[in-house]
Structure formats: structure tokens, C-alpha cells
PDB file of N, CA and C in Angstrom:
ATOM      1  N   MET A   1     104.472  91.012 117.092  1.00  0.00           N
ATOM      2  CA  MET A   1     103.676  89.841 116.778  1.00  0.00           C
ATOM      3  C   MET A   1     103.168  89.904 115.339  1.00  0.00           C
ATOM      4  N   LYS A   2     102.763  91.094 114.872  1.00  0.00           N
ATOM      5  CA  LYS A   2     102.263  91.228 113.505  1.00  0.00           C
ATOM      6  C   LYS A   2     103.346  90.896 112.487  1.00  0.00           C
ATOM      7  N   GLN A   3     104.592  91.268 112.797  1.00  0.00           N
ATOM      8  CA  GLN A   3     105.694  90.959 111.884  1.00  0.00           C
ATOM      9  C   GLN A   3     105.895  89.451 111.773  1.00  0.00           C
ATOM     10  N   ILE A   4     105.805  88.755 112.878  1.00  0.00           N
ATOM     11  CA  ILE A   4     105.968  87.301 112.868  1.00  0.00           C
ATOM     12  C   ILE A   4     104.858  86.662 112.035  1.00  0.00           C
ATOM     13  N   GLN A   5     103.631  87.141 112.209  1.00  0.00           N
ATOM     14  CA  GLN A   5     102.511  86.605 111.440  1.00  0.00           C
ATOM     15  C   GLN A   5     102.695  86.869 109.949  1.00  0.00           C
ATOM     16  N   ALA A   6     103.175  88.051 109.605  1.00  0.00           N
ATOM     17  CA  ALA A   6     103.391  88.403 108.201  1.00  0.00           C
ATOM     18  C   ALA A   6     104.469  87.510 107.586  1.00  0.00           C
ATOM     19  N   ILE A   7     105.538  87.288 108.304  1.00  0.00           N
ATOM     20  CA  ILE A   7     106.621  86.432 107.805  1.00  0.00           C
ATOM     21  C   ILE A   7     106.107  85.003 107.620  1.00  0.00           C
ATOM     22  N   TYR A   8     105.350  84.516 108.596  1.00  0.00           N
ATOM     23  CA  TYR A   8     104.803  83.162 108.506  1.00  0.00           C
ATOM     24  C   TYR A   8     103.903  83.030 107.277  1.00  0.00           C
ATOM     25  N   ARG A   9     103.047  84.040 107.034  1.00  0.00           N
ATOM     26  CA  ARG A   9     102.162  83.996 105.872  1.00  0.00           C
ATOM     27  C   ARG A   9     102.966  83.995 104.581  1.00  0.00           C
ATOM     28  N   GLU A  10     104.023  84.797 104.513  1.00  0.00           N
ATOM     29  CA  GLU A  10     104.861  84.831 103.311  1.00  0.00           C
ATOM     30  C   GLU A  10     105.509  83.479 103.059  1.00  0.00           C
ATOM     31  N   GLU A  11     106.046  82.872 104.116  1.00  0.00           N
ATOM     32  CA  GLU A  11     106.694  81.567 103.970  1.00  0.00           C
ATOM     33  C   GLU A  11     105.684  80.508 103.526  1.00  0.00           C
ATOM     34  N   THR A  12     104.507  80.530 104.115  1.00  0.00           N
ATOM     35  CA  THR A  12     103.469  79.564 103.766  1.00  0.00           C
ATOM     36  C   THR A  12     103.017  79.767 102.324  1.00  0.00           C
ATOM     37  N   THR A  13     102.794  81.006 101.941  1.00  0.00           N
ATOM     38  CA  THR A  13     102.379  81.311 100.574  1.00  0.00           C
ATOM     39  C   THR A  13     103.434  80.844  99.587  1.00  0.00           C
ATOM     40  N   HIS A  14     104.697  81.076  99.909  1.00  0.00           N
ATOM     41  CA  HIS A  14     105.784  80.667  99.027  1.00  0.00           C
ATOM     42  C   HIS A  14     105.802  79.146  98.858  1.00  0.00           C
ATOM     43  N   LYS A  15     105.592  78.400  99.940  1.00  0.00           N
ATOM     44  CA  LYS A  15     105.582  76.939  99.867  1.00  0.00           C
ATOM     45  C   LYS A  15     104.448  76.459  98.957  1.00  0.00           C
ATOM     46  N   TYR A  16     103.267  77.058  99.097  1.00  0.00           N
ATOM     47  CA  TYR A  16     102.144  76.671  98.242  1.00  0.00           C
ATOM     48  C   TYR A  16     102.424  77.017  96.784  1.00  0.00           C
ATOM     49  N   MET A  17     103.027  78.159  96.543  1.00  0.00           N
ATOM     50  CA  MET A  17     103.332  78.571  95.183  1.00  0.00           C
ATOM     51  C   MET A  17     104.306  77.587  94.528  1.00  0.00           C
ATOM     52  N   ILE A  18     105.352  77.204  95.253  1.00  0.00           N
ATOM     53  CA  ILE A  18     106.339  76.272  94.718  1.00  0.00           C
ATOM     54  C   ILE A  18     105.693  74.917  94.443  1.00  0.00           C
ATOM     55  N   SER A  19     104.884  74.422  95.364  1.00  0.00           N
ATOM     56  CA  SER A  19     104.258  73.118  95.166  1.00  0.00           C
ATOM     57  C   SER A  19     103.271  73.172  94.013  1.00  0.00           C
ATOM     58  N   ASP A  20     102.554  74.294  93.849  1.00  0.00           N
ATOM     59  CA  ASP A  20     101.617  74.449  92.740  1.00  0.00           C
ATOM     60  C   ASP A  20     102.363  74.443  91.410  1.00  0.00           C
ATOM     61  N   MET A  21     103.500  75.115  91.341  1.00  0.00           N
ATOM     62  CA  MET A  21     104.294  75.144  90.117  1.00  0.00           C
ATOM     63  C   MET A  21     104.807  73.746  89.778  1.00  0.00           C
ATOM     64  N   GLU A  22     105.184  72.986  90.777  1.00  0.00           N
ATOM     65  CA  GLU A  22     105.667  71.627  90.563  1.00  0.00           C
ATOM     66  C   GLU A  22     104.540  70.733  90.019  1.00  0.00           C
ATOM     67  N   LEU A  23     103.337  70.868  90.587  1.00  0.00           N
ATOM     68  CA  LEU A  23     102.204  70.090  90.086  1.00  0.00           C
ATOM     69  C   LEU A  23     101.883  70.445  88.634  1.00  0.00           C
ATOM     70  N   LYS A  24     101.941  71.730  88.314  1.00  0.00           N
ATOM     71  CA  LYS A  24     101.672  72.159  86.941  1.00  0.00           C
ATOM     72  C   LYS A  24     102.726  71.614  85.981  1.00  0.00           C
ATOM     73  N   ARG A  25     103.995  71.644  86.403  1.00  0.00           N
ATOM     74  CA  ARG A  25     105.075  71.128  85.557  1.00  0.00           C
ATOM     75  C   ARG A  25     104.859  69.647  85.269  1.00  0.00           C
ATOM     76  N   LYS A  26     104.521  68.876  86.300  1.00  0.00           N
ATOM     77  CA  LYS A  26     104.301  67.437  86.120  1.00  0.00           C
ATOM     78  C   LYS A  26     103.111  67.177  85.205  1.00  0.00           C
ATOM     79  N   ALA A  27     102.045  67.957  85.356  1.00  0.00           N
ATOM     80  CA  ALA A  27     100.868  67.789  84.513  1.00  0.00           C
ATOM     81  C   ALA A  27     101.194  68.105  83.053  1.00  0.00           C
ATOM     82  N   MET A  28     101.954  69.169  82.831  1.00  0.00           N
ATOM     83  CA  MET A  28     102.325  69.539  81.464  1.00  0.00           C
ATOM     84  C   MET A  28     103.203  68.468  80.818  1.00  0.00           C
ATOM     85  N   GLU A  29     104.067  67.841  81.602  1.00  0.00           N
ATOM     86  CA  GLU A  29     104.894  66.760  81.066  1.00  0.00           C
ATOM     87  C   GLU A  29     104.033  65.583  80.622  1.00  0.00           C
ATOM     88  N   LYS A  30     102.961  65.314  81.349  1.00  0.00           N
ATOM     89  CA  LYS A  30     102.089  64.188  81.016  1.00  0.00           C
ATOM     90  C   LYS A  30     101.299  64.433  79.746  1.00  0.00           C
ATOM     91  N   VAL A  31     100.794  65.653  79.542  1.00  0.00           N
ATOM     92  CA  VAL A  31      99.932  65.921  78.393  1.00  0.00           C
ATOM     93  C   VAL A  31     100.699  66.377  77.167  1.00  0.00           C
ATOM     94  N   GLY A  32     101.919  66.823  77.318  1.00  0.00           N
ATOM     95  CA  GLY A  32     102.666  67.324  76.181  1.00  0.00           C
ATOM     96  C   GLY A  32     102.270  68.746  75.863  1.00  0.00           C
ATOM     97  N   SER A  33     102.792  69.268  74.795  1.00  0.00           N
ATOM     98  CA  SER A  33     102.505  70.663  74.441  1.00  0.00           C
ATOM     99  C   SER A  33     101.461  70.737  73.333  1.00  0.00           C
ATOM    100  N   ALA A  34     100.910  71.917  73.140  1.00  0.00           N
ATOM    101  CA  ALA A  34      99.889  72.118  72.107  1.00  0.00           C
ATOM    102  C   ALA A  34     100.461  71.902  70.714  1.00  0.00           C
ATOM    103  N   GLY A  35     101.772  72.077  70.540  1.00  0.00           N
ATOM    104  CA  GLY A  35     102.411  71.850  69.250  1.00  0.00           C
ATOM    105  C   GLY A  35     102.619  70.376  68.946  1.00  0.00           C
ATOM    106  N   ASN A  36     102.392  69.532  69.895  1.00  0.00           N
ATOM    107  CA  ASN A  36     102.544  68.098  69.735  1.00  0.00           C
ATOM    108  C   ASN A  36     101.401  67.574  68.869  1.00  0.00           C
ATOM    109  N   SER A  37     101.710  66.740  67.877  1.00  0.00           N
ATOM    110  CA  SER A  37     100.669  66.248  66.971  1.00  0.00           C
ATOM    111  C   SER A  37      99.660  65.340  67.671  1.00  0.00           C
ATOM    112  N   SER A  38     100.004  64.796  68.832  1.00  0.00           N
ATOM    113  CA  SER A  38      99.068  63.942  69.553  1.00  0.00           C
ATOM    114  C   SER A  38      98.107  64.759  70.411  1.00  0.00           C
ATOM    115  N   TYR A  39      98.278  66.057  70.432  1.00  0.00           N
ATOM    116  CA  TYR A  39      97.411  66.945  71.211  1.00  0.00           C
ATOM    117  C   TYR A  39      96.172  67.216  70.385  1.00  0.00           C
ATOM    118  N   LYS A  40      95.015  66.692  70.809  1.00  0.00           N
ATOM    119  CA  LYS A  40      93.817  66.763  69.974  1.00  0.00           C
ATOM    120  C   LYS A  40      92.635  67.462  70.630  1.00  0.00           C
ATOM    121  N   TYR A  41      92.852  68.246  71.659  1.00  0.00           N
ATOM    122  CA  TYR A  41      91.733  68.921  72.327  1.00  0.00           C
ATOM    123  C   TYR A  41      91.128  69.963  71.410  1.00  0.00           C
ATOM    124  N   LYS A  42      89.839  69.932  71.276  1.00  0.00           N
ATOM    125  CA  LYS A  42      89.120  70.961  70.519  1.00  0.00           C
ATOM    126  C   LYS A  42      87.948  71.401  71.378  1.00  0.00           C
ATOM    127  N   PRO A  43      87.932  72.658  71.792  1.00  0.00           N
ATOM    128  CA  PRO A  43      86.837  73.128  72.647  1.00  0.00           C
ATOM    129  C   PRO A  43      85.513  73.114  71.892  1.00  0.00           C
ATOM    130  N   SER A  44      84.454  72.891  72.642  1.00  0.00           N
ATOM    131  CA  SER A  44      83.119  72.862  72.036  1.00  0.00           C
ATOM    132  C   SER A  44      82.705  74.275  71.618  1.00  0.00           C
ATOM    133  N   ALA A  45      81.686  74.334  70.801  1.00  0.00           N
ATOM    134  CA  ALA A  45      81.160  75.626  70.344  1.00  0.00           C
ATOM    135  C   ALA A  45      80.658  76.442  71.533  1.00  0.00           C
ATOM    136  N   ASP A  46      80.040  75.766  72.513  1.00  0.00           N
ATOM    137  CA  ASP A  46      79.543  76.472  73.702  1.00  0.00           C
ATOM    138  C   ASP A  46      80.676  77.167  74.450  1.00  0.00           C
ATOM    139  N   ILE A  47      81.775  76.466  74.620  1.00  0.00           N
ATOM    140  CA  ILE A  47      82.925  77.057  75.325  1.00  0.00           C
ATOM    141  C   ILE A  47      83.479  78.233  74.530  1.00  0.00           C
ATOM    142  N   MET A  48      83.621  78.061  73.220  1.00  0.00           N
ATOM    143  CA  MET A  48      84.156  79.149  72.389  1.00  0.00           C
ATOM    144  C   MET A  48      83.218  80.354  72.396  1.00  0.00           C
ATOM    145  N   ASN A  49      81.926  80.124  72.353  1.00  0.00           N
ATOM    146  CA  ASN A  49      80.966  81.229  72.414  1.00  0.00           C
ATOM    147  C   ASN A  49      81.070  81.968  73.726  1.00  0.00           C
ATOM    148  N   PHE A  50      81.196  81.212  74.820  1.00  0.00           N
ATOM    149  CA  PHE A  50      81.343  81.839  76.125  1.00  0.00           C
ATOM    150  C   PHE A  50      82.614  82.676  76.178  1.00  0.00           C
ATOM    151  N   LEU A  51      83.737  82.110  75.739  1.00  0.00           N
ATOM    152  CA  LEU A  51      85.005  82.847  75.766  1.00  0.00           C
ATOM    153  C   LEU A  51      84.935  84.098  74.896  1.00  0.00           C
ATOM    154  N   ASN A  52      84.313  83.967  73.732  1.00  0.00           N
ATOM    155  CA  ASN A  52      84.191  85.129  72.849  1.00  0.00           C
ATOM    156  C   ASN A  52      83.292  86.201  73.452  1.00  0.00           C
ATOM    157  N   SER A  53      82.323  85.805  74.279  1.00  0.00           N
ATOM    158  CA  SER A  53      81.435  86.789  74.903  1.00  0.00           C
ATOM    159  C   SER A  53      82.154  87.600  75.988  1.00  0.00           C
ATOM    160  N   LEU A  54      83.277  87.114  76.447  1.00  0.00           N
ATOM    161  CA  LEU A  54      84.029  87.834  77.488  1.00  0.00           C
ATOM    162  C   LEU A  54      84.792  89.031  76.926  1.00  0.00           C
ATOM    163  N   CYS A  55      85.024  89.052  75.641  1.00  0.00           N
ATOM    164  CA  CYS A  55      85.810  90.143  75.027  1.00  0.00           C
ATOM    165  C   CYS A  55      85.015  91.391  74.820  1.00  0.00           C
TER     166      CYS A  55
END
């Protein structure tokens, strides 16, 4: 029974992983890449300070 449960969990995890990758791919297609000149996101000073504090 434990083997069946383990296999089921692996299959379920794999399905979620594939669907998550597909959602990410579609989102990236919509926003374009960071090298794209229309990409204008600039993080705020607060966000940069927080990220720098993690190092």
C-alpha cells in the first residue's frame, strides 16, 4: 500500500510541476524578457535594501 501511495504522490507532483512550468512559460511570453527595451520594472529602494540585507 505504501508503494502505491508513493507512486501516486510522484505522479501528482509531476503533474503540478508540468502545469506550473507551463504557467510560467505563458507568463514570460506575455511580459517579454529583461533585455527587451519595453521592460521597465525598477524595484523600489525598500525592496533593494531588503534584498541587500539578505546577503
